[in-house]
Amino acid sequence: AGGEPLIDPTHYKILELISPYANQIDLDYSTNLNIINYKGFDLNDIW
């Protein structure tokens, strides 16, 4: 949550740190979804 997590660099830092364990982790977002393409991050690919 935030703020708006989808435009927060810390959010993407956390996703990178937990990526080795991604298949065991569920993600849940509280978002306004006005921005889904932040600085080239491909959420579909990441998620």
ModelCIF file with pLDDT and N, C-alpha, C, O atoms, coordinates in Angstrom:
data_MODEL
#
_entry.id   MODEL 
#
_entity.id                         1 
_entity.type                       polymer 
_entity.pdbx_number_of_molecules   1 
#
_entity_poly.entity_id                      1 
_entity_poly.type                           'polypeptide(L)' 
_entity_poly.nstd_linkage                   no 
_entity_poly.nstd_monomer                   no 
_entity_poly.pdbx_seq_one_letter_code       AGGEPLIDPTHYKILELISPYANQIDLDYSTNLNIINYKGFDLNDIW 
_entity_poly.pdbx_seq_one_letter_code_can   AGGEPLIDPTHYKILELISPYANQIDLDYSTNLNIINYKGFDLNDIW 
_entity_poly.pdbx_strand_id                 A 
#
loop_
_entity_poly_seq.entity_id 
_entity_poly_seq.num 
_entity_poly_seq.mon_id 
_entity_poly_seq.hetero 
1 1  ALA n 
1 2  GLY n 
1 3  GLY n 
1 4  GLU n 
1 5  PRO n 
1 6  LEU n 
1 7  ILE n 
1 8  ASP n 
1 9  PRO n 
1 10 THR n 
1 11 HIS n 
1 12 TYR n 
1 13 LYS n 
1 14 ILE n 
1 15 LEU n 
1 16 GLU n 
1 17 LEU n 
1 18 ILE n 
1 19 SER n 
1 20 PRO n 
1 21 TYR n 
1 22 ALA n 
1 23 ASN n 
1 24 GLN n 
1 25 ILE n 
1 26 ASP n 
1 27 LEU n 
1 28 ASP n 
1 29 TYR n 
1 30 SER n 
1 31 THR n 
1 32 ASN n 
1 33 LEU n 
1 34 ASN n 
1 35 ILE n 
1 36 ILE n 
1 37 ASN n 
1 38 TYR n 
1 39 LYS n 
1 40 GLY n 
1 41 PHE n 
1 42 ASP n 
1 43 LEU n 
1 44 ASN n 
1 45 ASP n 
1 46 ILE n 
1 47 TRP n 
#
_struct_asym.id          A 
_struct_asym.entity_id   1 
#
loop_
_ma_qa_metric.id 
_ma_qa_metric.mode 
_ma_qa_metric.name 
_ma_qa_metric.software_group_id 
_ma_qa_metric.type 
1 global pLDDT . pLDDT 
2 local  pLDDT . pLDDT 
#
_ma_qa_metric_global.metric_id      1 
_ma_qa_metric_global.metric_value   94.00 
_ma_qa_metric_global.model_id       1 
_ma_qa_metric_global.ordinal_id     1 
#
loop_
_ma_qa_metric_local.label_asym_id 
_ma_qa_metric_local.label_comp_id 
_ma_qa_metric_local.label_seq_id 
_ma_qa_metric_local.metric_id 
_ma_qa_metric_local.metric_value 
_ma_qa_metric_local.model_id 
_ma_qa_metric_local.ordinal_id 
A ALA 1  2 92.00 1 1  
A GLY 2  2 84.00 1 2  
A GLY 3  2 90.00 1 3  
A GLU 4  2 95.00 1 4  
A PRO 5  2 95.00 1 5  
A LEU 6  2 96.00 1 6  
A ILE 7  2 95.00 1 7  
A ASP 8  2 92.00 1 8  
A PRO 9  2 91.00 1 9  
A THR 10 2 91.00 1 10 
A HIS 11 2 93.00 1 11 
A TYR 12 2 94.00 1 12 
A LYS 13 2 93.00 1 13 
A ILE 14 2 94.00 1 14 
A LEU 15 2 96.00 1 15 
A GLU 16 2 95.00 1 16 
A LEU 17 2 95.00 1 17 
A ILE 18 2 97.00 1 18 
A SER 19 2 96.00 1 19 
A PRO 20 2 97.00 1 20 
A TYR 21 2 97.00 1 21 
A ALA 22 2 97.00 1 22 
A ASN 23 2 96.00 1 23 
A GLN 24 2 97.00 1 24 
A ILE 25 2 97.00 1 25 
A ASP 26 2 97.00 1 26 
A LEU 27 2 97.00 1 27 
A ASP 28 2 96.00 1 28 
A TYR 29 2 97.00 1 29 
A SER 30 2 95.00 1 30 
A THR 31 2 97.00 1 31 
A ASN 32 2 97.00 1 32 
A LEU 33 2 96.00 1 33 
A ASN 34 2 96.00 1 34 
A ILE 35 2 94.00 1 35 
A ILE 36 2 93.00 1 36 
A ASN 37 2 89.00 1 37 
A TYR 38 2 90.00 1 38 
A LYS 39 2 90.00 1 39 
A GLY 40 2 87.00 1 40 
A PHE 41 2 91.00 1 41 
A ASP 42 2 91.00 1 42 
A LEU 43 2 94.00 1 43 
A ASN 44 2 93.00 1 44 
A ASP 45 2 93.00 1 45 
A ILE 46 2 94.00 1 46 
A TRP 47 2 96.00 1 47 
#
loop_
_atom_site.group_PDB 
_atom_site.id 
_atom_site.type_symbol 
_atom_site.label_atom_id 
_atom_site.label_alt_id 
_atom_site.label_comp_id 
_atom_site.label_asym_id 
_atom_site.label_entity_id 
_atom_site.label_seq_id 
_atom_site.pdbx_PDB_ins_code 
_atom_site.Cartn_x 
_atom_site.Cartn_y 
_atom_site.Cartn_z 
_atom_site.occupancy 
_atom_site.B_iso_or_equiv 
_atom_site.pdbx_formal_charge 
_atom_site.auth_seq_id 
_atom_site.auth_comp_id 
_atom_site.auth_asym_id 
_atom_site.auth_atom_id 
_atom_site.pdbx_PDB_model_num 
ATOM 1   N N  . ALA A 1 1  ? 0.870  -1.171  0.000   1.00 92.00 ? 1  ALA A N  1 
ATOM 2   C CA . ALA A 1 1  ? 0.000  0.000   0.000   1.00 92.00 ? 1  ALA A CA 1 
ATOM 3   C C  . ALA A 1 1  ? 0.910  1.225   0.000   1.00 92.00 ? 1  ALA A C  1 
ATOM 4   O O  . ALA A 1 1  ? 2.123  1.103   -0.176  1.00 92.00 ? 1  ALA A O  1 
ATOM 5   N N  . GLY A 1 2  ? 0.337  2.381   0.193   1.00 84.00 ? 2  GLY A N  1 
ATOM 6   C CA . GLY A 1 2  ? 1.160  3.591   0.139   1.00 84.00 ? 2  GLY A CA 1 
ATOM 7   C C  . GLY A 1 2  ? 0.473  4.730   0.848   1.00 84.00 ? 2  GLY A C  1 
ATOM 8   O O  . GLY A 1 2  ? -0.115 4.579   1.919   1.00 84.00 ? 2  GLY A O  1 
ATOM 9   N N  . GLY A 1 3  ? 0.574  5.913   0.184   1.00 90.00 ? 3  GLY A N  1 
ATOM 10  C CA . GLY A 1 3  ? 1.011  6.194   -1.157  1.00 90.00 ? 3  GLY A CA 1 
ATOM 11  C C  . GLY A 1 3  ? 0.430  5.316   -2.253  1.00 90.00 ? 3  GLY A C  1 
ATOM 12  O O  . GLY A 1 3  ? -0.592 4.649   -2.093  1.00 90.00 ? 3  GLY A O  1 
ATOM 13  N N  . GLU A 1 4  ? 1.133  5.354   -3.367  1.00 95.00 ? 4  GLU A N  1 
ATOM 14  C CA . GLU A 1 4  ? 0.776  4.531   -4.518  1.00 95.00 ? 4  GLU A CA 1 
ATOM 15  C C  . GLU A 1 4  ? 1.947  3.608   -4.814  1.00 95.00 ? 4  GLU A C  1 
ATOM 16  O O  . GLU A 1 4  ? 2.966  4.054   -5.339  1.00 95.00 ? 4  GLU A O  1 
ATOM 17  N N  . PRO A 1 5  ? 1.815  2.312   -4.480  1.00 95.00 ? 5  PRO A N  1 
ATOM 18  C CA . PRO A 1 5  ? 2.956  1.403   -4.594  1.00 95.00 ? 5  PRO A CA 1 
ATOM 19  C C  . PRO A 1 5  ? 3.478  1.227   -6.014  1.00 95.00 ? 5  PRO A C  1 
ATOM 20  O O  . PRO A 1 5  ? 4.668  0.973   -6.203  1.00 95.00 ? 5  PRO A O  1 
ATOM 21  N N  . LEU A 1 6  ? 2.616  1.356   -7.011  1.00 96.00 ? 6  LEU A N  1 
ATOM 22  C CA . LEU A 1 6  ? 3.053  1.070   -8.379  1.00 96.00 ? 6  LEU A CA 1 
ATOM 23  C C  . LEU A 1 6  ? 3.970  2.143   -8.960  1.00 96.00 ? 6  LEU A C  1 
ATOM 24  O O  . LEU A 1 6  ? 4.542  1.953   -10.034 1.00 96.00 ? 6  LEU A O  1 
ATOM 25  N N  . ILE A 1 7  ? 4.114  3.281   -8.252  1.00 95.00 ? 7  ILE A N  1 
ATOM 26  C CA . ILE A 1 7  ? 5.079  4.296   -8.706  1.00 95.00 ? 7  ILE A CA 1 
ATOM 27  C C  . ILE A 1 7  ? 6.203  4.478   -7.688  1.00 95.00 ? 7  ILE A C  1 
ATOM 28  O O  . ILE A 1 7  ? 6.969  5.439   -7.763  1.00 95.00 ? 7  ILE A O  1 
ATOM 29  N N  . ASP A 1 8  ? 6.294  3.558   -6.745  1.00 92.00 ? 8  ASP A N  1 
ATOM 30  C CA . ASP A 1 8  ? 7.287  3.683   -5.682  1.00 92.00 ? 8  ASP A CA 1 
ATOM 31  C C  . ASP A 1 8  ? 8.491  2.795   -5.979  1.00 92.00 ? 8  ASP A C  1 
ATOM 32  O O  . ASP A 1 8  ? 8.334  1.578   -6.079  1.00 92.00 ? 8  ASP A O  1 
ATOM 33  N N  . PRO A 1 9  ? 9.691  3.366   -6.124  1.00 91.00 ? 9  PRO A N  1 
ATOM 34  C CA . PRO A 1 9  ? 10.882 2.547   -6.410  1.00 91.00 ? 9  PRO A CA 1 
ATOM 35  C C  . PRO A 1 9  ? 11.139 1.466   -5.364  1.00 91.00 ? 9  PRO A C  1 
ATOM 36  O O  . PRO A 1 9  ? 11.676 0.406   -5.685  1.00 91.00 ? 9  PRO A O  1 
ATOM 37  N N  . THR A 1 10 ? 10.752 1.733   -4.103  1.00 91.00 ? 10 THR A N  1 
ATOM 38  C CA . THR A 1 10 ? 10.972 0.741   -3.048  1.00 91.00 ? 10 THR A CA 1 
ATOM 39  C C  . THR A 1 10 ? 10.189 -0.534  -3.318  1.00 91.00 ? 10 THR A C  1 
ATOM 40  O O  . THR A 1 10 ? 10.654 -1.632  -3.012  1.00 91.00 ? 10 THR A O  1 
ATOM 41  N N  . HIS A 1 11 ? 9.016  -0.392  -3.882  1.00 93.00 ? 11 HIS A N  1 
ATOM 42  C CA . HIS A 1 11 ? 8.194  -1.553  -4.244  1.00 93.00 ? 11 HIS A CA 1 
ATOM 43  C C  . HIS A 1 11 ? 8.942  -2.474  -5.203  1.00 93.00 ? 11 HIS A C  1 
ATOM 44  O O  . HIS A 1 11 ? 8.950  -3.693  -5.030  1.00 93.00 ? 11 HIS A O  1 
ATOM 45  N N  . TYR A 1 12 ? 9.559  -1.888  -6.201  1.00 94.00 ? 12 TYR A N  1 
ATOM 46  C CA . TYR A 1 12 ? 10.281 -2.694  -7.193  1.00 94.00 ? 12 TYR A CA 1 
ATOM 47  C C  . TYR A 1 12 ? 11.568 -3.274  -6.605  1.00 94.00 ? 12 TYR A C  1 
ATOM 48  O O  . TYR A 1 12 ? 12.021 -4.337  -7.029  1.00 94.00 ? 12 TYR A O  1 
ATOM 49  N N  . LYS A 1 13 ? 12.153 -2.578  -5.635  1.00 93.00 ? 13 LYS A N  1 
ATOM 50  C CA . LYS A 1 13 ? 13.326 -3.106  -4.943  1.00 93.00 ? 13 LYS A CA 1 
ATOM 51  C C  . LYS A 1 13 ? 12.956 -4.359  -4.154  1.00 93.00 ? 13 LYS A C  1 
ATOM 52  O O  . LYS A 1 13 ? 13.700 -5.339  -4.149  1.00 93.00 ? 13 LYS A O  1 
ATOM 53  N N  . ILE A 1 14 ? 11.801 -4.321  -3.487  1.00 94.00 ? 14 ILE A N  1 
ATOM 54  C CA . ILE A 1 14 ? 11.345 -5.481  -2.726  1.00 94.00 ? 14 ILE A CA 1 
ATOM 55  C C  . ILE A 1 14 ? 11.059 -6.653  -3.660  1.00 94.00 ? 14 ILE A C  1 
ATOM 56  O O  . ILE A 1 14 ? 11.442 -7.787  -3.370  1.00 94.00 ? 14 ILE A O  1 
ATOM 57  N N  . LEU A 1 15 ? 10.388 -6.385  -4.778  1.00 96.00 ? 15 LEU A N  1 
ATOM 58  C CA . LEU A 1 15 ? 10.090 -7.462  -5.724  1.00 96.00 ? 15 LEU A CA 1 
ATOM 59  C C  . LEU A 1 15 ? 11.362 -8.129  -6.227  1.00 96.00 ? 15 LEU A C  1 
ATOM 60  O O  . LEU A 1 15 ? 11.395 -9.344  -6.426  1.00 96.00 ? 15 LEU A O  1 
ATOM 61  N N  . GLU A 1 16 ? 12.401 -7.338  -6.431  1.00 95.00 ? 16 GLU A N  1 
ATOM 62  C CA . GLU A 1 16 ? 13.674 -7.905  -6.889  1.00 95.00 ? 16 GLU A CA 1 
ATOM 63  C C  . GLU A 1 16 ? 14.298 -8.785  -5.808  1.00 95.00 ? 16 GLU A C  1 
ATOM 64  O O  . GLU A 1 16 ? 14.828 -9.856  -6.101  1.00 95.00 ? 16 GLU A O  1 
ATOM 65  N N  . LEU A 1 17 ? 14.232 -8.326  -4.552  1.00 95.00 ? 17 LEU A N  1 
ATOM 66  C CA . LEU A 1 17 ? 14.833 -9.087  -3.456  1.00 95.00 ? 17 LEU A CA 1 
ATOM 67  C C  . LEU A 1 17 ? 14.130 -10.422 -3.225  1.00 95.00 ? 17 LEU A C  1 
ATOM 68  O O  . LEU A 1 17 ? 14.775 -11.410 -2.872  1.00 95.00 ? 17 LEU A O  1 
ATOM 69  N N  . ILE A 1 18 ? 12.824 -10.456 -3.422  1.00 97.00 ? 18 ILE A N  1 
ATOM 70  C CA . ILE A 1 18 ? 12.080 -11.689 -3.147  1.00 97.00 ? 18 ILE A CA 1 
ATOM 71  C C  . ILE A 1 18 ? 11.904 -12.548 -4.396  1.00 97.00 ? 18 ILE A C  1 
ATOM 72  O O  . ILE A 1 18 ? 11.278 -13.606 -4.332  1.00 97.00 ? 18 ILE A O  1 
ATOM 73  N N  . SER A 1 19 ? 12.443 -12.109 -5.526  1.00 96.00 ? 19 SER A N  1 
ATOM 74  C CA . SER A 1 19 ? 12.238 -12.847 -6.783  1.00 96.00 ? 19 SER A CA 1 
ATOM 75  C C  . SER A 1 19 ? 12.697 -14.310 -6.718  1.00 96.00 ? 19 SER A C  1 
ATOM 76  O O  . SER A 1 19 ? 12.073 -15.154 -7.361  1.00 96.00 ? 19 SER A O  1 
ATOM 77  N N  . PRO A 1 20 ? 13.768 -14.653 -5.965  1.00 97.00 ? 20 PRO A N  1 
ATOM 78  C CA . PRO A 1 20 ? 14.137 -16.083 -5.900  1.00 97.00 ? 20 PRO A CA 1 
ATOM 79  C C  . PRO A 1 20 ? 13.069 -16.964 -5.263  1.00 97.00 ? 20 PRO A C  1 
ATOM 80  O O  . PRO A 1 20 ? 13.077 -18.182 -5.447  1.00 97.00 ? 20 PRO A O  1 
ATOM 81  N N  . TYR A 1 21 ? 12.147 -16.353 -4.513  1.00 97.00 ? 21 TYR A N  1 
ATOM 82  C CA . TYR A 1 21 ? 11.113 -17.102 -3.794  1.00 97.00 ? 21 TYR A CA 1 
ATOM 83  C C  . TYR A 1 21 ? 9.723  -16.781 -4.334  1.00 97.00 ? 21 TYR A C  1 
ATOM 84  O O  . TYR A 1 21 ? 8.719  -17.070 -3.683  1.00 97.00 ? 21 TYR A O  1 
ATOM 85  N N  . ALA A 1 22 ? 9.665  -16.180 -5.532  1.00 97.00 ? 22 ALA A N  1 
ATOM 86  C CA . ALA A 1 22 ? 8.416  -15.635 -6.067  1.00 97.00 ? 22 ALA A CA 1 
ATOM 87  C C  . ALA A 1 22 ? 7.308  -16.676 -6.166  1.00 97.00 ? 22 ALA A C  1 
ATOM 88  O O  . ALA A 1 22 ? 6.144  -16.360 -5.916  1.00 97.00 ? 22 ALA A O  1 
ATOM 89  N N  . ASN A 1 23 ? 7.645  -17.899 -6.522  1.00 96.00 ? 23 ASN A N  1 
ATOM 90  C CA . ASN A 1 23 ? 6.588  -18.893 -6.751  1.00 96.00 ? 23 ASN A CA 1 
ATOM 91  C C  . ASN A 1 23 ? 5.882  -19.335 -5.476  1.00 96.00 ? 23 ASN A C  1 
ATOM 92  O O  . ASN A 1 23 ? 4.869  -20.030 -5.549  1.00 96.00 ? 23 ASN A O  1 
ATOM 93  N N  . GLN A 1 24 ? 6.399  -18.943 -4.298  1.00 97.00 ? 24 GLN A N  1 
ATOM 94  C CA . GLN A 1 24 ? 5.738  -19.284 -3.036  1.00 97.00 ? 24 GLN A CA 1 
ATOM 95  C C  . GLN A 1 24 ? 5.011  -18.083 -2.428  1.00 97.00 ? 24 GLN A C  1 
ATOM 96  O O  . GLN A 1 24 ? 4.401  -18.207 -1.366  1.00 97.00 ? 24 GLN A O  1 
ATOM 97  N N  . ILE A 1 25 ? 5.069  -16.924 -3.088  1.00 97.00 ? 25 ILE A N  1 
ATOM 98  C CA . ILE A 1 25 ? 4.574  -15.675 -2.491  1.00 97.00 ? 25 ILE A CA 1 
ATOM 99  C C  . ILE A 1 25 ? 3.369  -15.134 -3.256  1.00 97.00 ? 25 ILE A C  1 
ATOM 100 O O  . ILE A 1 25 ? 3.385  -15.025 -4.482  1.00 97.00 ? 25 ILE A O  1 
ATOM 101 N N  . ASP A 1 26 ? 2.322  -14.798 -2.496  1.00 97.00 ? 26 ASP A N  1 
ATOM 102 C CA . ASP A 1 26 ? 1.157  -14.095 -3.037  1.00 97.00 ? 26 ASP A CA 1 
ATOM 103 C C  . ASP A 1 26 ? 1.346  -12.592 -2.821  1.00 97.00 ? 26 ASP A C  1 
ATOM 104 O O  . ASP A 1 26 ? 1.828  -12.164 -1.772  1.00 97.00 ? 26 ASP A O  1 
ATOM 105 N N  . LEU A 1 27 ? 0.965  -11.805 -3.812  1.00 97.00 ? 27 LEU A N  1 
ATOM 106 C CA . LEU A 1 27 ? 1.034  -10.349 -3.707  1.00 97.00 ? 27 LEU A CA 1 
ATOM 107 C C  . LEU A 1 27 ? -0.372 -9.766  -3.689  1.00 97.00 ? 27 LEU A C  1 
ATOM 108 O O  . LEU A 1 27 ? -1.257 -10.224 -4.413  1.00 97.00 ? 27 LEU A O  1 
ATOM 109 N N  . ASP A 1 28 ? -0.565 -8.754  -2.856  1.00 96.00 ? 28 ASP A N  1 
ATOM 110 C CA . ASP A 1 28 ? -1.846 -8.049  -2.805  1.00 96.00 ? 28 ASP A CA 1 
ATOM 111 C C  . ASP A 1 28 ? -1.567 -6.555  -2.788  1.00 96.00 ? 28 ASP A C  1 
ATOM 112 O O  . ASP A 1 28 ? -0.724 -6.082  -2.025  1.00 96.00 ? 28 ASP A O  1 
ATOM 113 N N  . TYR A 1 29 ? -2.276 -5.815  -3.631  1.00 97.00 ? 29 TYR A N  1 
ATOM 114 C CA . TYR A 1 29 ? -2.037 -4.384  -3.773  1.00 97.00 ? 29 TYR A CA 1 
ATOM 115 C C  . TYR A 1 29 ? -3.277 -3.565  -3.449  1.00 97.00 ? 29 TYR A C  1 
ATOM 116 O O  . TYR A 1 29 ? -4.395 -3.931  -3.811  1.00 97.00 ? 29 TYR A O  1 
ATOM 117 N N  . SER A 1 30 ? -3.061 -2.454  -2.763  1.00 95.00 ? 30 SER A N  1 
ATOM 118 C CA . SER A 1 30 ? -4.047 -1.377  -2.696  1.00 95.00 ? 30 SER A CA 1 
ATOM 119 C C  . SER A 1 30 ? -3.518 -0.282  -3.608  1.00 95.00 ? 30 SER A C  1 
ATOM 120 O O  . SER A 1 30 ? -2.492 0.330   -3.312  1.00 95.00 ? 30 SER A O  1 
ATOM 121 N N  . THR A 1 31 ? -4.208 -0.030  -4.712  1.00 97.00 ? 31 THR A N  1 
ATOM 122 C CA . THR A 1 31 ? -3.686 0.849   -5.743  1.00 97.00 ? 31 THR A CA 1 
ATOM 123 C C  . THR A 1 31 ? -4.782 1.664   -6.389  1.00 97.00 ? 31 THR A C  1 
ATOM 124 O O  . THR A 1 31 ? -5.936 1.240   -6.440  1.00 97.00 ? 31 THR A O  1 
ATOM 125 N N  . ASN A 1 32 ? -4.416 2.852   -6.889  1.00 97.00 ? 32 ASN A N  1 
ATOM 126 C CA . ASN A 1 32 ? -5.382 3.640   -7.661  1.00 97.00 ? 32 ASN A CA 1 
ATOM 127 C C  . ASN A 1 32 ? -5.328 3.276   -9.142  1.00 97.00 ? 32 ASN A C  1 
ATOM 128 O O  . ASN A 1 32 ? -6.212 3.679   -9.899  1.00 97.00 ? 32 ASN A O  1 
ATOM 129 N N  . LEU A 1 33 ? -4.329 2.537   -9.569  1.00 96.00 ? 33 LEU A N  1 
ATOM 130 C CA . LEU A 1 33 ? -4.177 1.982   -10.913 1.00 96.00 ? 33 LEU A CA 1 
ATOM 131 C C  . LEU A 1 33 ? -4.251 3.045   -12.023 1.00 96.00 ? 33 LEU A C  1 
ATOM 132 O O  . LEU A 1 33 ? -4.642 2.740   -13.150 1.00 96.00 ? 33 LEU A O  1 
ATOM 133 N N  . ASN A 1 34 ? -3.881 4.271   -11.705 1.00 96.00 ? 34 ASN A N  1 
ATOM 134 C CA . ASN A 1 34 ? -3.832 5.283   -12.756 1.00 96.00 ? 34 ASN A CA 1 
ATOM 135 C C  . ASN A 1 34 ? -2.554 5.191   -13.575 1.00 96.00 ? 34 ASN A C  1 
ATOM 136 O O  . ASN A 1 34 ? -2.492 5.693   -14.698 1.00 96.00 ? 34 ASN A O  1 
ATOM 137 N N  . ILE A 1 35 ? -1.528 4.546   -13.009 1.00 94.00 ? 35 ILE A N  1 
ATOM 138 C CA . ILE A 1 35 ? -0.255 4.360   -13.712 1.00 94.00 ? 35 ILE A CA 1 
ATOM 139 C C  . ILE A 1 35 ? 0.158  2.897   -13.595 1.00 94.00 ? 35 ILE A C  1 
ATOM 140 O O  . ILE A 1 35 ? 0.328  2.382   -12.490 1.00 94.00 ? 35 ILE A O  1 
ATOM 141 N N  . ILE A 1 36 ? 0.317  2.229   -14.742 1.00 93.00 ? 36 ILE A N  1 
ATOM 142 C CA . ILE A 1 36 ? 0.737  0.820   -14.700 1.00 93.00 ? 36 ILE A CA 1 
ATOM 143 C C  . ILE A 1 36 ? 2.019  0.585   -15.492 1.00 93.00 ? 36 ILE A C  1 
ATOM 144 O O  . ILE A 1 36 ? 2.501  -0.545  -15.567 1.00 93.00 ? 36 ILE A O  1 
ATOM 145 N N  . ASN A 1 37 ? 2.565  1.620   -16.072 1.00 89.00 ? 37 ASN A N  1 
ATOM 146 C CA . ASN A 1 37 ? 3.842  1.507   -16.781 1.00 89.00 ? 37 ASN A CA 1 
ATOM 147 C C  . ASN A 1 37 ? 4.821  2.495   -16.169 1.00 89.00 ? 37 ASN A C  1 
ATOM 148 O O  . ASN A 1 37 ? 4.970  3.618   -16.649 1.00 89.00 ? 37 ASN A O  1 
ATOM 149 N N  . TYR A 1 38 ? 5.482  2.066   -15.107 1.00 90.00 ? 38 TYR A N  1 
ATOM 150 C CA . TYR A 1 38 ? 6.389  2.946   -14.382 1.00 90.00 ? 38 TYR A CA 1 
ATOM 151 C C  . TYR A 1 38 ? 7.827  2.670   -14.792 1.00 90.00 ? 38 TYR A C  1 
ATOM 152 O O  . TYR A 1 38 ? 8.356  1.585   -14.548 1.00 90.00 ? 38 TYR A O  1 
ATOM 153 N N  . LYS A 1 39 ? 8.447  3.651   -15.411 1.00 90.00 ? 39 LYS A N  1 
ATOM 154 C CA . LYS A 1 39 ? 9.869  3.607   -15.771 1.00 90.00 ? 39 LYS A CA 1 
ATOM 155 C C  . LYS A 1 39 ? 10.292 2.298   -16.449 1.00 90.00 ? 39 LYS A C  1 
ATOM 156 O O  . LYS A 1 39 ? 11.362 1.754   -16.175 1.00 90.00 ? 39 LYS A O  1 
ATOM 157 N N  . GLY A 1 40 ? 9.435  1.817   -17.327 1.00 87.00 ? 40 GLY A N  1 
ATOM 158 C CA . GLY A 1 40 ? 9.794  0.650   -18.120 1.00 87.00 ? 40 GLY A CA 1 
ATOM 159 C C  . GLY A 1 40 ? 9.565  -0.690  -17.459 1.00 87.00 ? 40 GLY A C  1 
ATOM 160 O O  . GLY A 1 40 ? 9.810  -1.723  -18.082 1.00 87.00 ? 40 GLY A O  1 
ATOM 161 N N  . PHE A 1 41 ? 9.099  -0.713  -16.207 1.00 91.00 ? 41 PHE A N  1 
ATOM 162 C CA . PHE A 1 41 ? 8.814  -1.989  -15.547 1.00 91.00 ? 41 PHE A CA 1 
ATOM 163 C C  . PHE A 1 41 ? 7.594  -2.644  -16.196 1.00 91.00 ? 41 PHE A C  1 
ATOM 164 O O  . PHE A 1 41 ? 6.557  -2.001  -16.361 1.00 91.00 ? 41 PHE A O  1 
ATOM 165 N N  . ASP A 1 42 ? 7.715  -3.899  -16.556 1.00 91.00 ? 42 ASP A N  1 
ATOM 166 C CA . ASP A 1 42 ? 6.622  -4.658  -17.159 1.00 91.00 ? 42 ASP A CA 1 
ATOM 167 C C  . ASP A 1 42 ? 5.947  -5.483  -16.064 1.00 91.00 ? 42 ASP A C  1 
ATOM 168 O O  . ASP A 1 42 ? 6.422  -6.560  -15.704 1.00 91.00 ? 42 ASP A O  1 
ATOM 169 N N  . LEU A 1 43 ? 4.833  -4.965  -15.538 1.00 94.00 ? 43 LEU A N  1 
ATOM 170 C CA . LEU A 1 43 ? 4.181  -5.627  -14.417 1.00 94.00 ? 43 LEU A CA 1 
ATOM 171 C C  . LEU A 1 43 ? 3.658  -7.005  -14.790 1.00 94.00 ? 43 LEU A C  1 
ATOM 172 O O  . LEU A 1 43 ? 3.704  -7.928  -13.978 1.00 94.00 ? 43 LEU A O  1 
ATOM 173 N N  . ASN A 1 44 ? 3.168  -7.147  -15.992 1.00 93.00 ? 44 ASN A N  1 
ATOM 174 C CA . ASN A 1 44 ? 2.679  -8.459  -16.408 1.00 93.00 ? 44 ASN A CA 1 
ATOM 175 C C  . ASN A 1 44 ? 3.796  -9.495  -16.359 1.00 93.00 ? 44 ASN A C  1 
ATOM 176 O O  . ASN A 1 44 ? 3.587  -10.622 -15.910 1.00 93.00 ? 44 ASN A O  1 
ATOM 177 N N  . ASP A 1 45 ? 4.963  -9.116  -16.814 1.00 93.00 ? 45 ASP A N  1 
ATOM 178 C CA . ASP A 1 45 ? 6.112  -10.020 -16.796 1.00 93.00 ? 45 ASP A CA 1 
ATOM 179 C C  . ASP A 1 45 ? 6.577  -10.309 -15.371 1.00 93.00 ? 45 ASP A C  1 
ATOM 180 O O  . ASP A 1 45 ? 6.904  -11.446 -15.033 1.00 93.00 ? 45 ASP A O  1 
ATOM 181 N N  . ILE A 1 46 ? 6.602  -9.254  -14.530 1.00 94.00 ? 46 ILE A N  1 
ATOM 182 C CA . ILE A 1 46 ? 7.046  -9.417  -13.142 1.00 94.00 ? 46 ILE A CA 1 
ATOM 183 C C  . ILE A 1 46 ? 6.061  -10.261 -12.348 1.00 94.00 ? 46 ILE A C  1 
ATOM 184 O O  . ILE A 1 46 ? 6.457  -11.191 -11.646 1.00 94.00 ? 46 ILE A O  1 
ATOM 185 N N  . TRP A 1 47 ? 4.780  -9.937  -12.461 1.00 96.00 ? 47 TRP A N  1 
ATOM 186 C CA . TRP A 1 47 ? 3.772  -10.579 -11.625 1.00 96.00 ? 47 TRP A CA 1 
ATOM 187 C C  . TRP A 1 47 ? 3.580  -12.059 -11.942 1.00 96.00 ? 47 TRP A C  1 
ATOM 188 O O  . TRP A 1 47 ? 2.759  -12.725 -11.311 1.00 96.00 ? 47 TRP A O  1 
#
